[in-house]
Amino acid sequence: MERVTLRIPKQQIEEVEQMVETGEFPNRSEAIRSAVRDMLNEQADKRESTKPKTAERSWAKV
C-alpha cells in the first residue's frame, strides 16, 4: 500500500472521526479507502453505462 498525504476540511474529518467512533469504520484510513472505492466504482458504472450497446451473442445471429 502507498501512503498519500492530502488536505481535507476540518468538518469532513470530524464527520469521518464520528463514523470511526460509532464503529462504522475501524479507523480514518479505512473510511477514506472506502470512499475512494465507492467513487471509483461509481465512475466505472458511469463509463459502462455510456458504452455503446452491442448485441449479446452476436455470433449466434442467423
C-alpha atoms as a PDB file:
ATOM      1  CA  MET A   1       0.000   0.000   0.000  1.00  0.00           C
ATOM      2  CA  GLU A   2       1.167   3.501  -0.693  1.00  0.00           C
ATOM      3  CA  ARG A   3       0.913   6.465   1.627  1.00  0.00           C
ATOM      4  CA  VAL A   4      -0.898   9.553   0.340  1.00  0.00           C
ATOM      5  CA  THR A   5      -0.986  12.894   2.081  1.00  0.00           C
ATOM      6  CA  LEU A   6      -3.994  15.102   1.460  1.00  0.00           C
ATOM      7  CA  ARG A   7      -5.750  18.068   2.948  1.00  0.00           C
ATOM      8  CA  ILE A   8      -9.384  17.681   3.949  1.00  0.00           C
ATOM      9  CA  PRO A   9     -11.595  20.345   5.537  1.00  0.00           C
ATOM     10  CA  LYS A  10     -11.828  20.025   9.308  1.00  0.00           C
ATOM     11  CA  GLN A  11     -15.597  19.486   9.258  1.00  0.00           C
ATOM     12  CA  GLN A  12     -15.228  16.491   6.941  1.00  0.00           C
ATOM     13  CA  ILE A  13     -12.521  14.938   9.121  1.00  0.00           C
ATOM     14  CA  GLU A  14     -14.741  15.434  12.159  1.00  0.00           C
ATOM     15  CA  GLU A  15     -17.539  13.571  10.356  1.00  0.00           C
ATOM     16  CA  VAL A  16     -15.139  10.757   9.464  1.00  0.00           C
ATOM     17  CA  GLU A  17     -13.981  10.614  13.087  1.00  0.00           C
ATOM     18  CA  GLN A  18     -17.612  10.311  14.179  1.00  0.00           C
ATOM     19  CA  MET A  19     -18.053   7.304  11.876  1.00  0.00           C
ATOM     20  CA  VAL A  20     -14.945   5.750  13.434  1.00  0.00           C
ATOM     21  CA  GLU A  21     -16.202   6.446  16.954  1.00  0.00           C
ATOM     22  CA  THR A  22     -19.569   4.840  16.207  1.00  0.00           C
ATOM     23  CA  GLY A  23     -17.841   1.762  14.814  1.00  0.00           C
ATOM     24  CA  GLU A  24     -18.850   2.231  11.194  1.00  0.00           C
ATOM     25  CA  PHE A  25     -15.151   2.073  10.268  1.00  0.00           C
ATOM     26  CA  PRO A  26     -12.177   0.806  12.242  1.00  0.00           C
ATOM     27  CA  ASN A  27     -10.113   3.938  11.518  1.00  0.00           C
ATOM     28  CA  ARG A  28      -9.884   7.056   9.352  1.00  0.00           C
ATOM     29  CA  SER A  29      -7.742   5.366   6.736  1.00  0.00           C
ATOM     30  CA  GLU A  30     -10.297   2.637   6.134  1.00  0.00           C
ATOM     31  CA  ALA A  31     -13.102   5.191   5.936  1.00  0.00           C
ATOM     32  CA  ILE A  32     -11.198   7.165   3.299  1.00  0.00           C
ATOM     33  CA  ARG A  33     -10.252   3.982   1.378  1.00  0.00           C
ATOM     34  CA  SER A  34     -13.940   3.055   1.359  1.00  0.00           C
ATOM     35  CA  ALA A  35     -14.877   6.467  -0.014  1.00  0.00           C
ATOM     36  CA  VAL A  36     -12.270   6.158  -2.771  1.00  0.00           C
ATOM     37  CA  ARG A  37     -13.513   2.650  -3.672  1.00  0.00           C
ATOM     38  CA  ASP A  38     -17.087   3.946  -3.872  1.00  0.00           C
ATOM     39  CA  MET A  39     -16.013   6.837  -6.099  1.00  0.00           C
ATOM     40  CA  LEU A  40     -14.054   4.539  -8.419  1.00  0.00           C
ATOM     41  CA  ASN A  41     -16.951   2.078  -8.660  1.00  0.00           C
ATOM     42  CA  GLU A  42     -19.381   4.910  -9.401  1.00  0.00           C
ATOM     43  CA  GLN A  43     -17.144   6.238 -12.167  1.00  0.00           C
ATOM     44  CA  ALA A  44     -16.721   2.750 -13.634  1.00  0.00           C
ATOM     45  CA  ASP A  45     -20.509   2.306 -13.625  1.00  0.00           C
ATOM     46  CA  LYS A  46     -20.936   5.638 -15.440  1.00  0.00           C
ATOM     47  CA  ARG A  47     -18.364   4.657 -18.059  1.00  0.00           C
ATOM     48  CA  GLU A  48     -20.041   1.279 -18.505  1.00  0.00           C
ATOM     49  CA  SER A  49     -23.475   2.852 -18.940  1.00  0.00           C
ATOM     50  CA  THR A  50     -22.231   5.195 -21.669  1.00  0.00           C
ATOM     51  CA  LYS A  51     -20.624   2.432 -23.728  1.00  0.00           C
ATOM     52  CA  PRO A  52     -22.446   1.662 -26.970  1.00  0.00           C
ATOM     53  CA  LYS A  53     -24.693  -1.346 -26.529  1.00  0.00           C
ATOM     54  CA  THR A  54     -23.668  -4.320 -28.635  1.00  0.00           C
ATOM     55  CA  ALA A  55     -25.934  -7.203 -29.376  1.00  0.00           C
ATOM     56  CA  GLU A  56     -25.368 -10.038 -26.965  1.00  0.00           C
ATOM     57  CA  ARG A  57     -24.112 -13.224 -28.538  1.00  0.00           C
ATOM     58  CA  SER A  58     -23.846 -11.608 -31.947  1.00  0.00           C
ATOM     59  CA  TRP A  59     -22.021 -14.768 -33.067  1.00  0.00           C
ATOM     60  CA  ALA A  60     -25.305 -16.684 -32.702  1.00  0.00           C
ATOM     61  CA  LYS A  61     -27.280 -14.487 -35.067  1.00  0.00           C
ATOM     62  CA  VAL A  62     -28.659 -16.222 -38.150  1.00  0.00           C
END
